[in-house]
Amino acid sequence: MADKVKTKAIVNSERDAASSRGATGGAAAPSGRLVVDKVRIQYRHPVTRLPFTAVEEASLSVGAGEIVSVVGPSGCGKSTLLGAIGGLVPYSRGSISLDGREVSSAGTDRAVVFQKPALLPWRTAVRNVAYPLRLQGMGRKESLQRARAALDRVGLGDFAEHYPGQLSGGMQQRVNLARALVVEPELLLLDEPFASVDAQMRQILQDEILGLLDHRSLSAVFVTHQIDEAVLVGDTVVILSRGPGSHVRAVVDIPLGRPRSPDVRRSAEFAELVDKVWSIVREEIADEFIQTRMRPSE
């Protein structure tokens, strides 16, 4: 999309730069609304207590109204990186900024949709959605009005007074999404939000979130294990290398246009893009498998 700020990545080795497909490399720092610049995430291993590097170096950016999907092999640090962007995970080097403001802790300018809804079982759907507004000091009447409007947007207006235990898994996740949207964040962070639902509900939720993000022109970072899902939702797909100590292996532009119809799944261009992303991820998985086989047995 020519009018959007494109995601940029700094690829950390000549091998990766040479083999990356669709990647944008270079020495200059990335630019955009969200800027992640040479971020390292390191902490002490809970068992060995030795330093453990989850992400060695990651650089990317997200422009206004842009949706960036993040994929990579299991254990590559996708969710960890998303947590750092959300201000929930500390990073040891580099910088993260949103609209020029440094990200060092959680804030109302970002909202996270986690894998599991984590709804309060003693609160109805509308009161779960209103809860973050109440924490911000908003009055009861206004917070409930906004919460009902958010539930309407995700198709659950008729279930506002239902408790979580009375809702299906897919409906609970839509309440989770409404709770994130109600605070009107500048950046939406989605951490495998459909991982806990079945395949049919997953496709329904994909279609719904595609329409919501298109309608609201939100900037978003979308973490997923599903390659086709990453291509369907994203304007760009950022591919992390295998972990631990991962980095941005490649960036693939997704020129499918906006607004994006779910019917794009049936197009040849969509299939080619899915194959392009998968071929890079597969190389990382294959390299990891080979290295594991070559390690001496204990």
C-alpha atoms as a PDB file:
ATOM      1  CA  MET A   1       0.000   0.000   0.000  1.00  0.00           C
ATOM      2  CA  ALA A   2       1.844   3.019  -1.340  1.00  0.00           C
ATOM      3  CA  ASP A   3       0.313   5.574   1.035  1.00  0.00           C
ATOM      4  CA  LYS A   4       1.327   3.722   4.153  1.00  0.00           C
ATOM      5  CA  VAL A   5       4.628   3.679   5.953  1.00  0.00           C
ATOM      6  CA  LYS A   6       6.140   0.322   5.171  1.00  0.00           C
ATOM      7  CA  THR A   7       7.580  -1.935   7.783  1.00  0.00           C
ATOM      8  CA  LYS A   8      11.355  -2.058   7.802  1.00  0.00           C
ATOM      9  CA  ALA A   9      13.651  -4.619   9.334  1.00  0.00           C
ATOM     10  CA  ILE A  10      17.356  -4.832   9.992  1.00  0.00           C
ATOM     11  CA  VAL A  11      18.585  -8.295   9.097  1.00  0.00           C
ATOM     12  CA  ASN A  12      21.480  -9.306  11.294  1.00  0.00           C
ATOM     13  CA  SER A  13      23.685 -11.425   9.054  1.00  0.00           C
ATOM     14  CA  GLU A  14      24.812 -11.630   5.452  1.00  0.00           C
ATOM     15  CA  ARG A  15      23.342 -15.120   5.185  1.00  0.00           C
ATOM     16  CA  ASP A  16      19.905 -13.946   6.162  1.00  0.00           C
ATOM     17  CA  ALA A  17      20.133 -10.832   4.009  1.00  0.00           C
ATOM     18  CA  ALA A  18      21.009 -12.943   1.008  1.00  0.00           C
ATOM     19  CA  SER A  19      18.280 -15.527   1.558  1.00  0.00           C
ATOM     20  CA  SER A  20      15.459 -13.269   2.751  1.00  0.00           C
ATOM     21  CA  ARG A  21      12.492 -12.922   0.450  1.00  0.00           C
ATOM     22  CA  GLY A  22      10.772  -9.561   0.418  1.00  0.00           C
ATOM     23  CA  ALA A  23      13.009  -8.221   3.190  1.00  0.00           C
ATOM     24  CA  THR A  24      14.012  -4.627   3.564  1.00  0.00           C
ATOM     25  CA  GLY A  25      17.496  -4.246   5.021  1.00  0.00           C
ATOM     26  CA  GLY A  26      19.774  -1.363   5.728  1.00  0.00           C
ATOM     27  CA  ALA A  27      21.732   0.497   8.361  1.00  0.00           C
ATOM     28  CA  ALA A  28      19.199   3.254   8.999  1.00  0.00           C
ATOM     29  CA  ALA A  29      16.806   2.970  11.941  1.00  0.00           C
ATOM     30  CA  PRO A  30      13.192   2.104  11.053  1.00  0.00           C
ATOM     31  CA  SER A  31      10.571   4.824  11.031  1.00  0.00           C
ATOM     32  CA  GLY A  32       6.826   4.827  11.611  1.00  0.00           C
ATOM     33  CA  ARG A  33       4.169   5.276  14.266  1.00  0.00           C
ATOM     34  CA  LEU A  34       5.498   2.326  16.281  1.00  0.00           C
ATOM     35  CA  VAL A  35       9.274   1.965  16.129  1.00  0.00           C
ATOM     36  CA  VAL A  36      11.129  -1.035  17.523  1.00  0.00           C
ATOM     37  CA  ASP A  37      14.846  -0.381  17.058  1.00  0.00           C
ATOM     38  CA  LYS A  38      17.526  -3.018  17.758  1.00  0.00           C
ATOM     39  CA  VAL A  39      15.696  -4.418  20.765  1.00  0.00           C
ATOM     40  CA  ARG A  40      17.254  -7.219  22.807  1.00  0.00           C
ATOM     41  CA  ILE A  41      15.192  -9.091  25.390  1.00  0.00           C
ATOM     42  CA  GLN A  42      17.269 -10.938  27.955  1.00  0.00           C
ATOM     43  CA  TYR A  43      16.418 -12.301  31.389  1.00  0.00           C
ATOM     44  CA  ARG A  44      17.603 -14.923  33.838  1.00  0.00           C
ATOM     45  CA  HIS A  45      16.493 -18.477  33.133  1.00  0.00           C
ATOM     46  CA  PRO A  46      14.052 -19.544  35.884  1.00  0.00           C
ATOM     47  CA  VAL A  47      15.868 -22.892  36.376  1.00  0.00           C
ATOM     48  CA  THR A  48      19.563 -22.284  35.644  1.00  0.00           C
ATOM     49  CA  ARG A  49      19.505 -18.596  36.714  1.00  0.00           C
ATOM     50  CA  LEU A  50      21.894 -17.932  33.829  1.00  0.00           C
ATOM     51  CA  PRO A  51      21.295 -15.072  31.367  1.00  0.00           C
ATOM     52  CA  PHE A  52      18.865 -16.168  28.656  1.00  0.00           C
ATOM     53  CA  THR A  53      18.441 -14.180  25.445  1.00  0.00           C
ATOM     54  CA  ALA A  54      14.953 -14.617  24.038  1.00  0.00           C
ATOM     55  CA  VAL A  55      15.371 -12.002  21.278  1.00  0.00           C
ATOM     56  CA  GLU A  56      18.865 -10.999  20.196  1.00  0.00           C
ATOM     57  CA  GLU A  57      17.957  -8.023  18.032  1.00  0.00           C
ATOM     58  CA  ALA A  58      14.671  -6.968  16.472  1.00  0.00           C
ATOM     59  CA  SER A  59      13.882  -3.864  14.470  1.00  0.00           C
ATOM     60  CA  LEU A  60      10.567  -3.096  12.818  1.00  0.00           C
ATOM     61  CA  SER A  61       8.051  -0.304  12.444  1.00  0.00           C
ATOM     62  CA  VAL A  62       4.302   0.078  11.987  1.00  0.00           C
ATOM     63  CA  GLY A  63       2.764   3.027  10.188  1.00  0.00           C
ATOM     64  CA  ALA A  64      -0.560   4.720  10.899  1.00  0.00           C
ATOM     65  CA  GLY A  65      -3.398   2.339  10.044  1.00  0.00           C
ATOM     66  CA  GLU A  66      -0.962  -0.471   9.236  1.00  0.00           C
ATOM     67  CA  ILE A  67      -1.329  -4.046  10.452  1.00  0.00           C
ATOM     68  CA  VAL A  68       1.875  -6.038  10.882  1.00  0.00           C
ATOM     69  CA  SER A  69       1.717  -9.792  11.389  1.00  0.00           C
ATOM     70  CA  VAL A  70       4.580 -11.553  13.190  1.00  0.00           C
ATOM     71  CA  VAL A  71       5.338 -15.232  12.585  1.00  0.00           C
ATOM     72  CA  GLY A  72       8.236 -17.604  13.169  1.00  0.00           C
ATOM     73  CA  PRO A  73       9.124 -21.036  14.548  1.00  0.00           C
ATOM     74  CA  SER A  74       7.825 -22.037  17.973  1.00  0.00           C
ATOM     75  CA  GLY A  75       9.956 -20.540  20.717  1.00  0.00           C
ATOM     76  CA  CYS A  76      11.288 -17.680  18.597  1.00  0.00           C
ATOM     77  CA  GLY A  77      10.035 -14.960  20.960  1.00  0.00           C
ATOM     78  CA  LYS A  78       6.989 -13.639  19.088  1.00  0.00           C
ATOM     79  CA  SER A  79       4.852 -13.226  22.195  1.00  0.00           C
ATOM     80  CA  THR A  80       7.842 -11.978  24.190  1.00  0.00           C
ATOM     81  CA  LEU A  81       8.458  -9.236  21.652  1.00  0.00           C
ATOM     82  CA  LEU A  82       4.769  -8.328  21.675  1.00  0.00           C
ATOM     83  CA  GLY A  83       4.912  -8.135  25.458  1.00  0.00           C
ATOM     84  CA  ALA A  84       7.815  -5.694  25.243  1.00  0.00           C
ATOM     85  CA  ILE A  85       5.850  -3.504  22.829  1.00  0.00           C
ATOM     86  CA  GLY A  86       2.954  -3.599  25.282  1.00  0.00           C
ATOM     87  CA  GLY A  87       5.236  -2.513  28.117  1.00  0.00           C
ATOM     88  CA  LEU A  88       4.718  -5.807  29.942  1.00  0.00           C
ATOM     89  CA  VAL A  89       8.169  -7.323  29.317  1.00  0.00           C
ATOM     90  CA  PRO A  90      11.393  -5.368  29.972  1.00  0.00           C
ATOM     91  CA  TYR A  91      14.037  -5.187  27.267  1.00  0.00           C
ATOM     92  CA  SER A  92      17.755  -4.869  27.919  1.00  0.00           C
ATOM     93  CA  ARG A  93      18.907  -2.964  24.832  1.00  0.00           C
ATOM     94  CA  GLY A  94      17.505  -0.855  22.014  1.00  0.00           C
ATOM     95  CA  SER A  95      14.377   1.265  22.066  1.00  0.00           C
ATOM     96  CA  ILE A  96      10.621   1.059  21.529  1.00  0.00           C
ATOM     97  CA  SER A  97       8.550   4.176  20.883  1.00  0.00           C
ATOM     98  CA  LEU A  98       4.981   4.983  19.913  1.00  0.00           C
ATOM     99  CA  ASP A  99       4.363   8.345  18.250  1.00  0.00           C
ATOM    100  CA  GLY A 100       7.755   9.468  19.542  1.00  0.00           C
ATOM    101  CA  ARG A 101       7.043   8.472  23.160  1.00  0.00           C
ATOM    102  CA  GLU A 102       9.305   5.861  24.736  1.00  0.00           C
ATOM    103  CA  VAL A 103       7.581   2.641  25.748  1.00  0.00           C
ATOM    104  CA  SER A 104       8.828   1.547  29.161  1.00  0.00           C
ATOM    105  CA  SER A 105       5.620   0.335  30.844  1.00  0.00           C
ATOM    106  CA  ALA A 106       1.993  -0.474  30.065  1.00  0.00           C
ATOM    107  CA  GLY A 107      -0.209   2.431  28.983  1.00  0.00           C
ATOM    108  CA  THR A 108      -3.690   3.289  27.752  1.00  0.00           C
ATOM    109  CA  ASP A 109      -2.296   4.050  24.282  1.00  0.00           C
ATOM    110  CA  ARG A 110      -1.870   0.274  23.777  1.00  0.00           C
ATOM    111  CA  ALA A 111      -4.315  -2.584  24.339  1.00  0.00           C
ATOM    112  CA  VAL A 112      -3.464  -6.285  24.334  1.00  0.00           C
ATOM    113  CA  VAL A 113      -5.737  -9.130  23.283  1.00  0.00           C
ATOM    114  CA  PHE A 114      -4.295 -12.286  24.829  1.00  0.00           C
ATOM    115  CA  GLN A 115      -4.688 -15.922  23.780  1.00  0.00           C
ATOM    116  CA  LYS A 116      -7.192 -16.579  26.574  1.00  0.00           C
ATOM    117  CA  PRO A 117     -10.028 -14.156  27.381  1.00  0.00           C
ATOM    118  CA  ALA A 118      -9.345 -14.095  31.171  1.00  0.00           C
ATOM    119  CA  LEU A 119     -12.774 -12.594  31.839  1.00  0.00           C
ATOM    120  CA  LEU A 120     -13.933 -11.985  35.410  1.00  0.00           C
ATOM    121  CA  PRO A 121     -16.537 -14.735  35.957  1.00  0.00           C
ATOM    122  CA  TRP A 122     -18.610 -12.698  38.440  1.00  0.00           C
ATOM    123  CA  ARG A 123     -19.065  -9.827  35.964  1.00  0.00           C
ATOM    124  CA  THR A 124     -21.434  -9.805  33.011  1.00  0.00           C
ATOM    125  CA  ALA A 125     -20.042  -9.294  29.529  1.00  0.00           C
ATOM    126  CA  VAL A 126     -20.834  -5.569  29.538  1.00  0.00           C
ATOM    127  CA  ARG A 127     -19.260  -5.083  32.959  1.00  0.00           C
ATOM    128  CA  ASN A 128     -16.138  -6.980  31.891  1.00  0.00           C
ATOM    129  CA  VAL A 129     -15.806  -4.633  28.924  1.00  0.00           C
ATOM    130  CA  ALA A 130     -16.467  -1.558  31.073  1.00  0.00           C
ATOM    131  CA  TYR A 131     -13.923  -2.609  33.713  1.00  0.00           C
ATOM    132  CA  PRO A 132     -10.822  -0.914  32.197  1.00  0.00           C
ATOM    133  CA  LEU A 133     -12.804   2.313  31.788  1.00  0.00           C
ATOM    134  CA  ARG A 134     -13.813   2.195  35.436  1.00  0.00           C
ATOM    135  CA  LEU A 135     -10.161   1.701  36.374  1.00  0.00           C
ATOM    136  CA  GLN A 136      -9.383   4.890  34.436  1.00  0.00           C
ATOM    137  CA  GLY A 137     -11.913   6.753  36.566  1.00  0.00           C
ATOM    138  CA  MET A 138     -14.791   6.952  34.103  1.00  0.00           C
ATOM    139  CA  GLY A 139     -18.283   7.120  35.588  1.00  0.00           C
ATOM    140  CA  ARG A 140     -20.524   4.077  35.715  1.00  0.00           C
ATOM    141  CA  LYS A 141     -23.145   5.297  33.241  1.00  0.00           C
ATOM    142  CA  GLU A 142     -20.709   6.438  30.550  1.00  0.00           C
ATOM    143  CA  SER A 143     -18.487   3.373  30.896  1.00  0.00           C
ATOM    144  CA  LEU A 144     -21.479   1.028  30.474  1.00  0.00           C
ATOM    145  CA  GLN A 145     -22.694   2.971  27.428  1.00  0.00           C
ATOM    146  CA  ARG A 146     -19.300   2.684  25.776  1.00  0.00           C
ATOM    147  CA  ALA A 147     -19.038  -0.975  26.745  1.00  0.00           C
ATOM    148  CA  ARG A 148     -22.410  -1.736  25.133  1.00  0.00           C
ATOM    149  CA  ALA A 149     -21.319   0.055  21.958  1.00  0.00           C
ATOM    150  CA  ALA A 150     -18.105  -2.028  21.892  1.00  0.00           C
ATOM    151  CA  LEU A 151     -20.102  -5.257  22.289  1.00  0.00           C
ATOM    152  CA  ASP A 152     -22.355  -4.153  19.430  1.00  0.00           C
ATOM    153  CA  ARG A 153     -19.263  -3.754  17.223  1.00  0.00           C
ATOM    154  CA  VAL A 154     -18.249  -7.371  17.832  1.00  0.00           C
ATOM    155  CA  GLY A 155     -21.795  -8.671  17.355  1.00  0.00           C
ATOM    156  CA  LEU A 156     -22.576  -9.389  21.014  1.00  0.00           C
ATOM    157  CA  GLY A 157     -24.998  -6.594  21.855  1.00  0.00           C
ATOM    158  CA  ASP A 158     -27.724  -9.116  22.720  1.00  0.00           C
ATOM    159  CA  PHE A 159     -25.433 -10.907  25.171  1.00  0.00           C
ATOM    160  CA  ALA A 160     -24.359  -7.907  27.244  1.00  0.00           C
ATOM    161  CA  GLU A 161     -25.944  -9.223  30.444  1.00  0.00           C
ATOM    162  CA  HIS A 162     -24.658 -12.776  30.076  1.00  0.00           C
ATOM    163  CA  TYR A 163     -21.899 -14.068  32.360  1.00  0.00           C
ATOM    164  CA  PRO A 164     -18.719 -15.606  30.843  1.00  0.00           C
ATOM    165  CA  GLY A 165     -19.825 -19.107  31.835  1.00  0.00           C
ATOM    166  CA  GLN A 166     -22.926 -18.644  29.676  1.00  0.00           C
ATOM    167  CA  LEU A 167     -20.892 -17.787  26.566  1.00  0.00           C
ATOM    168  CA  SER A 168     -19.051 -20.036  24.110  1.00  0.00           C
ATOM    169  CA  GLY A 169     -15.274 -19.833  23.769  1.00  0.00           C
ATOM    170  CA  GLY A 170     -15.556 -17.774  20.592  1.00  0.00           C
ATOM    171  CA  MET A 171     -18.012 -15.374  22.220  1.00  0.00           C
ATOM    172  CA  GLN A 172     -15.736 -14.966  25.234  1.00  0.00           C
ATOM    173  CA  GLN A 173     -12.881 -14.044  22.918  1.00  0.00           C
ATOM    174  CA  ARG A 174     -15.068 -11.441  21.226  1.00  0.00           C
ATOM    175  CA  VAL A 175     -15.767  -9.947  24.667  1.00  0.00           C
ATOM    176  CA  ASN A 176     -11.992  -9.916  25.173  1.00  0.00           C
ATOM    177  CA  LEU A 177     -11.603  -8.026  21.896  1.00  0.00           C
ATOM    178  CA  ALA A 178     -14.352  -5.555  22.826  1.00  0.00           C
ATOM    179  CA  ARG A 179     -12.598  -4.922  26.150  1.00  0.00           C
ATOM    180  CA  ALA A 180      -9.442  -3.978  24.247  1.00  0.00           C
ATOM    181  CA  LEU A 181     -11.258  -1.769  21.735  1.00  0.00           C
ATOM    182  CA  VAL A 182     -13.344   0.119  24.308  1.00  0.00           C
ATOM    183  CA  VAL A 183     -10.316   2.070  25.591  1.00  0.00           C
ATOM    184  CA  GLU A 184      -9.760   3.345  22.018  1.00  0.00           C
ATOM    185  CA  PRO A 185      -6.051   2.486  21.891  1.00  0.00           C
ATOM    186  CA  GLU A 186      -3.622   3.948  19.393  1.00  0.00           C
ATOM    187  CA  LEU A 187      -2.076   0.508  18.911  1.00  0.00           C
ATOM    188  CA  LEU A 188      -3.797  -2.880  19.186  1.00  0.00           C
ATOM    189  CA  LEU A 189      -1.598  -5.858  20.110  1.00  0.00           C
ATOM    190  CA  LEU A 190      -3.009  -9.310  19.363  1.00  0.00           C
ATOM    191  CA  ASP A 191      -1.223 -12.347  20.810  1.00  0.00           C
ATOM    192  CA  GLU A 192      -2.579 -15.410  18.992  1.00  0.00           C
ATOM    193  CA  PRO A 193      -6.129 -14.365  19.875  1.00  0.00           C
ATOM    194  CA  PHE A 194      -7.774 -17.318  18.105  1.00  0.00           C
ATOM    195  CA  ALA A 195      -5.524 -20.096  19.422  1.00  0.00           C
ATOM    196  CA  SER A 196      -8.116 -21.411  21.890  1.00  0.00           C
ATOM    197  CA  VAL A 197     -11.067 -21.774  19.488  1.00  0.00           C
ATOM    198  CA  ASP A 198     -11.922 -24.447  16.927  1.00  0.00           C
ATOM    199  CA  ALA A 199     -11.182 -24.111  13.213  1.00  0.00           C
ATOM    200  CA  GLN A 200     -14.676 -22.971  12.237  1.00  0.00           C
ATOM    201  CA  MET A 201     -14.848 -20.281  14.924  1.00  0.00           C
ATOM    202  CA  ARG A 202     -11.296 -19.253  14.088  1.00  0.00           C
ATOM    203  CA  GLN A 203     -12.278 -18.412  10.521  1.00  0.00           C
ATOM    204  CA  ILE A 204     -15.349 -16.490  11.709  1.00  0.00           C
ATOM    205  CA  LEU A 205     -13.229 -14.460  14.135  1.00  0.00           C
ATOM    206  CA  GLN A 206     -10.622 -13.831  11.430  1.00  0.00           C
ATOM    207  CA  ASP A 207     -13.339 -12.354   9.221  1.00  0.00           C
ATOM    208  CA  GLU A 208     -14.699 -10.237  12.068  1.00  0.00           C
ATOM    209  CA  ILE A 209     -11.361  -8.802  13.127  1.00  0.00           C
ATOM    210  CA  LEU A 210     -10.498  -8.083   9.505  1.00  0.00           C
ATOM    211  CA  GLY A 211     -13.636  -5.954   9.218  1.00  0.00           C
ATOM    212  CA  LEU A 212     -13.065  -4.255  12.571  1.00  0.00           C
ATOM    213  CA  LEU A 213      -9.477  -3.293  11.817  1.00  0.00           C
ATOM    214  CA  ASP A 214     -10.387  -2.038   8.340  1.00  0.00           C
ATOM    215  CA  HIS A 215     -13.305  -0.011   9.683  1.00  0.00           C
ATOM    216  CA  ARG A 216     -11.391   1.623  12.534  1.00  0.00           C
ATOM    217  CA  SER A 217      -8.081   2.164  10.659  1.00  0.00           C
ATOM    218  CA  LEU A 218      -6.195   0.968  13.729  1.00  0.00           C
ATOM    219  CA  SER A 219      -2.474   0.292  13.817  1.00  0.00           C
ATOM    220  CA  ALA A 220      -1.927  -3.250  15.022  1.00  0.00           C
ATOM    221  CA  VAL A 221       0.667  -5.962  15.639  1.00  0.00           C
ATOM    222  CA  PHE A 222      -0.746  -9.449  15.169  1.00  0.00           C
ATOM    223  CA  VAL A 223       1.179 -12.484  16.460  1.00  0.00           C
ATOM    224  CA  THR A 224       0.144 -15.877  15.118  1.00  0.00           C
ATOM    225  CA  HIS A 225       1.432 -19.370  14.335  1.00  0.00           C
ATOM    226  CA  GLN A 226      -0.858 -19.613  11.300  1.00  0.00           C
ATOM    227  CA  ILE A 227       0.813 -18.473   8.072  1.00  0.00           C
ATOM    228  CA  ASP A 228      -2.456 -18.053   6.164  1.00  0.00           C
ATOM    229  CA  GLU A 229      -3.895 -16.009   9.044  1.00  0.00           C
ATOM    230  CA  ALA A 230      -0.837 -13.740   9.061  1.00  0.00           C
ATOM    231  CA  VAL A 231      -1.210 -13.093   5.320  1.00  0.00           C
ATOM    232  CA  LEU A 232      -4.969 -12.574   5.540  1.00  0.00           C
ATOM    233  CA  VAL A 233      -4.781  -9.959   8.300  1.00  0.00           C
ATOM    234  CA  GLY A 234      -1.470  -8.193   7.721  1.00  0.00           C
ATOM    235  CA  ASP A 235      -0.250  -5.485   5.374  1.00  0.00           C
ATOM    236  CA  THR A 236       3.196  -6.870   6.112  1.00  0.00           C
ATOM    237  CA  VAL A 237       4.475 -10.116   7.603  1.00  0.00           C
ATOM    238  CA  VAL A 238       7.582  -9.960   9.808  1.00  0.00           C
ATOM    239  CA  ILE A 239       9.336 -13.325  10.110  1.00  0.00           C
ATOM    240  CA  LEU A 240      11.503 -14.029  13.141  1.00  0.00           C
ATOM    241  CA  SER A 241      14.369 -16.511  13.011  1.00  0.00           C
ATOM    242  CA  ARG A 242      14.439 -19.568  15.241  1.00  0.00           C
ATOM    243  CA  GLY A 243      15.089 -18.948  18.916  1.00  0.00           C
ATOM    244  CA  PRO A 244      16.458 -18.467  21.406  1.00  0.00           C
ATOM    245  CA  GLY A 245      18.318 -15.315  20.421  1.00  0.00           C
ATOM    246  CA  SER A 246      16.078 -14.617  17.446  1.00  0.00           C
ATOM    247  CA  HIS A 247      16.194 -11.693  15.059  1.00  0.00           C
ATOM    248  CA  VAL A 248      14.122 -10.457  12.131  1.00  0.00           C
ATOM    249  CA  ARG A 249      14.869 -12.907   9.351  1.00  0.00           C
ATOM    250  CA  ALA A 250      12.721 -11.321   6.639  1.00  0.00           C
ATOM    251  CA  VAL A 251       9.808  -9.023   5.909  1.00  0.00           C
ATOM    252  CA  VAL A 252       7.220  -9.823   3.240  1.00  0.00           C
ATOM    253  CA  ASP A 253       4.901  -7.134   1.895  1.00  0.00           C
ATOM    254  CA  ILE A 254       1.252  -8.214   1.447  1.00  0.00           C
ATOM    255  CA  PRO A 255      -0.159  -6.169  -1.476  1.00  0.00           C
ATOM    256  CA  LEU A 256      -3.759  -7.377  -1.177  1.00  0.00           C
ATOM    257  CA  GLY A 257      -5.287  -3.936  -0.644  1.00  0.00           C
ATOM    258  CA  ARG A 258      -7.751  -2.499   1.884  1.00  0.00           C
ATOM    259  CA  PRO A 259     -10.543  -2.988   2.706  1.00  0.00           C
ATOM    260  CA  ARG A 260      -9.782  -6.697   2.392  1.00  0.00           C
ATOM    261  CA  SER A 261     -12.501  -9.233   1.728  1.00  0.00           C
ATOM    262  CA  PRO A 262     -12.270 -12.670   3.366  1.00  0.00           C
ATOM    263  CA  ASP A 263     -12.848 -14.059  -0.148  1.00  0.00           C
ATOM    264  CA  VAL A 264      -9.220 -13.175  -0.912  1.00  0.00           C
ATOM    265  CA  ARG A 265      -8.366 -16.572   0.617  1.00  0.00           C
ATOM    266  CA  ARG A 266      -9.438 -18.187  -2.646  1.00  0.00           C
ATOM    267  CA  SER A 267      -7.163 -16.082  -4.879  1.00  0.00           C
ATOM    268  CA  ALA A 268      -3.962 -17.316  -6.508  1.00  0.00           C
ATOM    269  CA  GLU A 269      -2.090 -14.271  -5.179  1.00  0.00           C
ATOM    270  CA  PHE A 270      -3.044 -15.175  -1.611  1.00  0.00           C
ATOM    271  CA  ALA A 271      -1.810 -18.747  -2.080  1.00  0.00           C
ATOM    272  CA  GLU A 272       1.493 -17.508  -3.518  1.00  0.00           C
ATOM    273  CA  LEU A 273       2.041 -15.160  -0.567  1.00  0.00           C
ATOM    274  CA  VAL A 274       1.282 -17.912   1.945  1.00  0.00           C
ATOM    275  CA  ASP A 275       3.788 -20.169   0.189  1.00  0.00           C
ATOM    276  CA  LYS A 276       6.391 -17.382   0.147  1.00  0.00           C
ATOM    277  CA  VAL A 277       6.145 -16.795   3.898  1.00  0.00           C
ATOM    278  CA  TRP A 278       5.999 -20.505   4.693  1.00  0.00           C
ATOM    279  CA  SER A 279       9.134 -21.241   2.655  1.00  0.00           C
ATOM    280  CA  ILE A 280      11.147 -18.858   4.860  1.00  0.00           C
ATOM    281  CA  VAL A 281       9.698 -20.192   8.108  1.00  0.00           C
ATOM    282  CA  ARG A 282      10.302 -23.741   6.898  1.00  0.00           C
ATOM    283  CA  GLU A 283      13.995 -22.984   6.304  1.00  0.00           C
ATOM    284  CA  GLU A 284      14.313 -21.823   9.907  1.00  0.00           C
ATOM    285  CA  ILE A 285      12.563 -24.945  11.212  1.00  0.00           C
ATOM    286  CA  ALA A 286      14.710 -27.199   9.008  1.00  0.00           C
ATOM    287  CA  ASP A 287      17.935 -25.536  10.192  1.00  0.00           C
ATOM    288  CA  GLU A 288      16.865 -26.026  13.802  1.00  0.00           C
ATOM    289  CA  PHE A 289      16.049 -29.680  13.152  1.00  0.00           C
ATOM    290  CA  ILE A 290      19.442 -30.294  11.531  1.00  0.00           C
ATOM    291  CA  GLN A 291      21.289 -28.618  14.404  1.00  0.00           C
ATOM    292  CA  THR A 292      19.346 -30.683  16.940  1.00  0.00           C
ATOM    293  CA  ARG A 293      20.225 -33.919  15.115  1.00  0.00           C
ATOM    294  CA  MET A 294      23.921 -32.939  15.053  1.00  0.00           C
ATOM    295  CA  ARG A 295      24.172 -32.331  18.807  1.00  0.00           C
ATOM    296  CA  PRO A 296      26.027 -35.109  20.628  1.00  0.00           C
ATOM    297  CA  SER A 297      23.779 -37.297  22.757  1.00  0.00           C
ATOM    298  CA  GLU A 298      24.266 -37.076  26.505  1.00  0.00           C
END
